[in-house]
Amino acid sequence: MPKFLVEVPHEPDALACARVVKVFLESGSHFLTHAEWGCMDNVHSAWMVVEMDSKAEALAIVPPALRAGTRIVRLTTFKLAHIEDTIRRLQPSGGSSDPTRG
């Protein structure tokens, strides 16, 4: 099943922050009550990693008033062999496109 990072930003003032956290904690949603917050480091967002069928499903777990500013990112884990095959397939013949080689 696809995995998504859900990022929910909110206003940086202390009252707005507390209100958003309260909405999450009172929601009863396992996802929302286990969100990770950056507020104590002055990054006013909540993050959750969820397994859903689609971005639309991931967005649906966010309270409606906060959806407009929410960012949903599909996460992927790469295997070295797959990436090496991709590089071989995409790399022009005779040249190195490896940015680590001068």
N, C-alpha and C. Protein backbone atom coordinates (compact mmCIF):
# COMPACT_ATOMS: atom_id res chain seq x y z
N MET A 1 0.85 -1.17 0.00
CA MET A 1 0.00 0.00 0.00
C MET A 1 0.90 1.24 0.00
N PRO A 2 0.54 2.25 -0.78
CA PRO A 2 1.35 3.48 -0.81
C PRO A 2 1.43 4.14 0.56
N LYS A 3 2.56 4.81 0.77
CA LYS A 3 2.81 5.53 2.02
C LYS A 3 2.96 7.01 1.69
N PHE A 4 2.37 7.86 2.54
CA PHE A 4 2.38 9.30 2.30
C PHE A 4 2.85 10.05 3.54
N LEU A 5 3.59 11.12 3.30
CA LEU A 5 3.92 12.09 4.34
C LEU A 5 2.86 13.17 4.26
N VAL A 6 2.19 13.42 5.38
CA VAL A 6 1.17 14.46 5.46
C VAL A 6 1.75 15.58 6.30
N GLU A 7 1.87 16.76 5.70
CA GLU A 7 2.40 17.93 6.40
C GLU A 7 1.30 18.97 6.53
N VAL A 8 1.01 19.33 7.77
CA VAL A 8 -0.09 20.27 8.05
C VAL A 8 0.49 21.49 8.76
N PRO A 9 0.71 22.58 8.02
CA PRO A 9 1.23 23.80 8.66
C PRO A 9 0.11 24.55 9.36
N HIS A 10 0.51 25.40 10.29
CA HIS A 10 -0.46 26.26 10.97
C HIS A 10 0.23 27.56 11.37
N GLU A 11 -0.58 28.51 11.82
CA GLU A 11 -0.07 29.83 12.19
C GLU A 11 0.96 29.70 13.31
N PRO A 12 1.98 30.57 13.30
CA PRO A 12 3.08 30.43 14.26
C PRO A 12 2.83 31.01 15.65
N ASP A 13 1.70 31.66 15.88
CA ASP A 13 1.53 32.21 17.23
C ASP A 13 1.08 31.11 18.19
N ALA A 14 1.39 31.29 19.47
CA ALA A 14 1.19 30.26 20.49
C ALA A 14 -0.27 29.82 20.62
N LEU A 15 -1.19 30.76 20.53
CA LEU A 15 -2.61 30.41 20.68
C LEU A 15 -3.09 29.57 19.50
N ALA A 16 -2.75 29.97 18.28
CA ALA A 16 -3.13 29.20 17.10
C ALA A 16 -2.53 27.80 17.17
N CYS A 17 -1.28 27.73 17.58
CA CYS A 17 -0.60 26.45 17.72
C CYS A 17 -1.36 25.55 18.71
N ALA A 18 -1.66 26.06 19.86
CA ALA A 18 -2.36 25.28 20.88
C ALA A 18 -3.73 24.82 20.39
N ARG A 19 -4.43 25.68 19.66
CA ARG A 19 -5.75 25.32 19.16
C ARG A 19 -5.68 24.18 18.14
N VAL A 20 -4.69 24.24 17.25
CA VAL A 20 -4.54 23.17 16.24
C VAL A 20 -4.18 21.86 16.92
N VAL A 21 -3.26 21.89 17.86
CA VAL A 21 -2.89 20.68 18.57
C VAL A 21 -4.12 20.10 19.28
N LYS A 22 -4.92 20.95 19.89
CA LYS A 22 -6.12 20.50 20.59
C LYS A 22 -7.09 19.82 19.63
N VAL A 23 -7.29 20.40 18.45
CA VAL A 23 -8.17 19.79 17.44
C VAL A 23 -7.67 18.39 17.10
N PHE A 24 -6.37 18.26 16.89
CA PHE A 24 -5.80 16.95 16.56
C PHE A 24 -6.03 15.96 17.70
N LEU A 25 -5.73 16.37 18.92
CA LEU A 25 -5.81 15.46 20.06
C LEU A 25 -7.25 15.07 20.39
N GLU A 26 -8.19 15.96 20.16
CA GLU A 26 -9.59 15.67 20.45
C GLU A 26 -10.30 14.92 19.32
N SER A 27 -9.64 14.78 18.19
CA SER A 27 -10.29 14.18 17.02
C SER A 27 -10.66 12.72 17.21
N GLY A 28 -9.88 12.01 18.02
CA GLY A 28 -10.09 10.58 18.17
C GLY A 28 -9.43 9.77 17.07
N SER A 29 -8.90 10.44 16.05
CA SER A 29 -8.22 9.75 14.95
C SER A 29 -6.84 9.30 15.40
N HIS A 30 -6.56 8.02 15.21
CA HIS A 30 -5.23 7.50 15.56
C HIS A 30 -4.13 8.30 14.86
N PHE A 31 -4.34 8.63 13.59
CA PHE A 31 -3.33 9.38 12.84
C PHE A 31 -3.08 10.74 13.46
N LEU A 32 -4.15 11.46 13.74
CA LEU A 32 -4.01 12.83 14.24
C LEU A 32 -3.45 12.86 15.66
N THR A 33 -3.86 11.92 16.48
CA THR A 33 -3.39 11.94 17.87
C THR A 33 -1.93 11.50 17.99
N HIS A 34 -1.39 10.93 16.92
CA HIS A 34 0.02 10.50 16.93
C HIS A 34 0.88 11.35 15.98
N ALA A 35 0.39 12.52 15.62
CA ALA A 35 1.17 13.43 14.76
C ALA A 35 2.44 13.87 15.48
N GLU A 36 3.44 14.18 14.71
CA GLU A 36 4.68 14.76 15.23
C GLU A 36 4.65 16.25 14.93
N TRP A 37 5.12 17.05 15.86
CA TRP A 37 5.02 18.51 15.77
C TRP A 37 6.40 19.16 15.79
N GLY A 38 6.56 20.23 15.03
CA GLY A 38 7.81 20.98 15.02
C GLY A 38 7.73 22.29 15.80
N CYS A 39 6.64 22.54 16.47
CA CYS A 39 6.38 23.82 17.13
C CYS A 39 7.47 24.21 18.14
N MET A 40 7.97 23.24 18.89
CA MET A 40 8.97 23.56 19.91
C MET A 40 10.30 23.98 19.30
N ASP A 41 10.45 23.76 17.98
CA ASP A 41 11.64 24.20 17.26
C ASP A 41 11.29 25.34 16.30
N ASN A 42 10.15 25.98 16.55
CA ASN A 42 9.66 27.12 15.77
C ASN A 42 9.36 26.77 14.31
N VAL A 43 9.01 25.52 14.06
CA VAL A 43 8.53 25.09 12.74
C VAL A 43 7.09 24.63 12.98
N HIS A 44 6.16 25.46 12.61
CA HIS A 44 4.77 25.25 13.00
C HIS A 44 4.02 24.39 11.98
N SER A 45 4.31 23.10 12.07
CA SER A 45 3.67 22.09 11.23
C SER A 45 3.55 20.81 12.03
N ALA A 46 2.57 20.00 11.62
CA ALA A 46 2.45 18.63 12.11
C ALA A 46 2.77 17.71 10.95
N TRP A 47 3.37 16.55 11.27
CA TRP A 47 3.69 15.56 10.24
C TRP A 47 3.18 14.21 10.67
N MET A 48 2.69 13.48 9.68
CA MET A 48 2.25 12.10 9.89
C MET A 48 2.69 11.29 8.67
N VAL A 49 3.05 10.06 8.89
CA VAL A 49 3.31 9.13 7.80
C VAL A 49 2.19 8.11 7.86
N VAL A 50 1.44 8.01 6.75
CA VAL A 50 0.26 7.14 6.72
C VAL A 50 0.29 6.24 5.49
N GLU A 51 -0.30 5.08 5.63
CA GLU A 51 -0.49 4.18 4.50
C GLU A 51 -1.94 4.28 4.05
N MET A 52 -2.13 4.76 2.83
CA MET A 52 -3.46 4.96 2.26
C MET A 52 -3.40 4.56 0.79
N ASP A 53 -4.56 4.41 0.19
CA ASP A 53 -4.60 4.06 -1.23
C ASP A 53 -4.29 5.22 -2.15
N SER A 54 -4.51 6.46 -1.67
CA SER A 54 -4.32 7.61 -2.55
C SER A 54 -4.02 8.87 -1.74
N LYS A 55 -3.56 9.91 -2.45
CA LYS A 55 -3.35 11.21 -1.81
C LYS A 55 -4.67 11.76 -1.28
N ALA A 56 -5.74 11.53 -2.02
CA ALA A 56 -7.05 12.02 -1.59
C ALA A 56 -7.46 11.40 -0.25
N GLU A 57 -7.19 10.10 -0.08
CA GLU A 57 -7.49 9.45 1.19
C GLU A 57 -6.63 10.02 2.32
N ALA A 58 -5.36 10.27 2.02
CA ALA A 58 -4.47 10.84 3.03
C ALA A 58 -4.95 12.23 3.44
N LEU A 59 -5.37 13.03 2.48
CA LEU A 59 -5.86 14.37 2.78
C LEU A 59 -7.14 14.32 3.61
N ALA A 60 -7.95 13.31 3.40
CA ALA A 60 -9.24 13.20 4.09
C ALA A 60 -9.08 13.02 5.60
N ILE A 61 -7.92 12.60 6.09
CA ILE A 61 -7.75 12.44 7.54
C ILE A 61 -7.50 13.78 8.23
N VAL A 62 -7.16 14.80 7.45
CA VAL A 62 -6.87 16.13 7.99
C VAL A 62 -8.18 16.87 8.24
N PRO A 63 -8.31 17.55 9.38
CA PRO A 63 -9.53 18.33 9.63
C PRO A 63 -9.79 19.29 8.45
N PRO A 64 -11.04 19.40 8.01
CA PRO A 64 -11.37 20.21 6.84
C PRO A 64 -10.80 21.63 6.85
N ALA A 65 -10.79 22.30 7.97
CA ALA A 65 -10.31 23.68 8.04
C ALA A 65 -8.81 23.79 7.76
N LEU A 66 -8.08 22.68 7.84
CA LEU A 66 -6.63 22.71 7.65
C LEU A 66 -6.19 22.10 6.32
N ARG A 67 -7.11 21.61 5.54
CA ARG A 67 -6.75 20.90 4.30
C ARG A 67 -6.12 21.80 3.24
N ALA A 68 -6.54 23.04 3.15
CA ALA A 68 -6.06 23.91 2.07
C ALA A 68 -4.54 24.07 2.09
N GLY A 69 -3.95 24.15 3.26
CA GLY A 69 -2.51 24.33 3.34
C GLY A 69 -1.72 23.04 3.49
N THR A 70 -2.41 21.91 3.48
CA THR A 70 -1.75 20.62 3.71
C THR A 70 -1.01 20.16 2.46
N ARG A 71 0.17 19.58 2.70
CA ARG A 71 0.96 19.01 1.61
C ARG A 71 1.03 17.50 1.82
N ILE A 72 0.73 16.76 0.75
CA ILE A 72 0.78 15.30 0.78
C ILE A 72 1.88 14.87 -0.19
N VAL A 73 2.82 14.06 0.31
CA VAL A 73 3.95 13.59 -0.50
C VAL A 73 3.97 12.08 -0.48
N ARG A 74 3.90 11.46 -1.65
CA ARG A 74 4.03 9.99 -1.71
C ARG A 74 5.49 9.63 -1.46
N LEU A 75 5.71 8.69 -0.55
CA LEU A 75 7.06 8.29 -0.18
C LEU A 75 7.44 7.01 -0.90
N THR A 76 8.72 6.93 -1.25
CA THR A 76 9.25 5.77 -1.97
C THR A 76 10.56 5.36 -1.33
N THR A 77 10.76 4.06 -1.23
CA THR A 77 12.05 3.52 -0.80
C THR A 77 12.71 2.93 -2.04
N PHE A 78 13.96 3.32 -2.28
CA PHE A 78 14.68 2.82 -3.44
C PHE A 78 15.64 1.73 -3.05
N LYS A 79 15.85 0.79 -3.95
CA LYS A 79 16.86 -0.25 -3.79
C LYS A 79 18.02 0.10 -4.72
N LEU A 80 19.24 -0.15 -4.28
CA LEU A 80 20.43 0.21 -5.05
C LEU A 80 20.41 -0.41 -6.44
N ALA A 81 20.05 -1.66 -6.56
CA ALA A 81 20.05 -2.33 -7.86
C ALA A 81 19.10 -1.64 -8.84
N HIS A 82 17.94 -1.23 -8.36
CA HIS A 82 16.96 -0.55 -9.21
C HIS A 82 17.52 0.80 -9.70
N ILE A 83 18.15 1.53 -8.81
CA ILE A 83 18.71 2.83 -9.19
C ILE A 83 19.87 2.66 -10.15
N GLU A 84 20.71 1.66 -9.93
CA GLU A 84 21.81 1.41 -10.86
C GLU A 84 21.28 1.08 -12.24
N ASP A 85 20.21 0.27 -12.33
CA ASP A 85 19.59 -0.04 -13.62
C ASP A 85 19.02 1.22 -14.26
N THR A 86 18.40 2.06 -13.47
CA THR A 86 17.83 3.31 -13.98
C THR A 86 18.93 4.21 -14.54
N ILE A 87 20.03 4.34 -13.82
CA ILE A 87 21.15 5.17 -14.29
C ILE A 87 21.70 4.61 -15.59
N ARG A 88 21.90 3.30 -15.67
CA ARG A 88 22.42 2.69 -16.92
C ARG A 88 21.47 2.96 -18.08
N ARG A 89 20.18 2.85 -17.84
CA ARG A 89 19.19 3.04 -18.90
C ARG A 89 19.13 4.50 -19.36
N LEU A 90 19.28 5.44 -18.44
CA LEU A 90 19.11 6.86 -18.77
C LEU A 90 20.39 7.57 -19.15
N GLN A 91 21.52 7.02 -18.75
CA GLN A 91 22.80 7.68 -19.00
C GLN A 91 23.16 7.62 -20.47
N PRO A 92 23.55 8.76 -21.06
CA PRO A 92 23.98 8.75 -22.46
C PRO A 92 25.23 7.88 -22.63
N SER A 93 25.35 7.23 -23.76
CA SER A 93 26.51 6.37 -24.03
C SER A 93 27.79 7.18 -24.05
N GLY A 94 28.83 6.62 -23.43
CA GLY A 94 30.16 7.22 -23.49
C GLY A 94 30.43 8.33 -22.50
N GLY A 95 29.46 8.74 -21.74
CA GLY A 95 29.69 9.85 -20.81
C GLY A 95 29.27 9.48 -19.41
N SER A 96 29.86 10.17 -18.47
CA SER A 96 29.49 9.95 -17.09
C SER A 96 28.61 11.09 -16.62
N SER A 97 27.45 10.75 -16.08
CA SER A 97 26.58 11.80 -15.55
C SER A 97 26.59 11.76 -14.03
N ASP A 98 27.62 11.13 -13.46
CA ASP A 98 27.73 11.02 -12.02
C ASP A 98 28.27 12.34 -11.46
N PRO A 99 27.47 13.09 -10.69
CA PRO A 99 27.92 14.39 -10.19
C PRO A 99 29.04 14.25 -9.14
N THR A 100 29.30 13.04 -8.67
CA THR A 100 30.37 12.87 -7.68
C THR A 100 31.72 12.64 -8.34
N ARG A 101 31.71 12.50 -9.65
CA ARG A 101 32.97 12.30 -10.37
C ARG A 101 33.30 13.53 -11.18
N GLY A 102 34.51 14.02 -11.04
CA GLY A 102 34.90 15.26 -11.70
C GLY A 102 35.45 15.02 -13.01
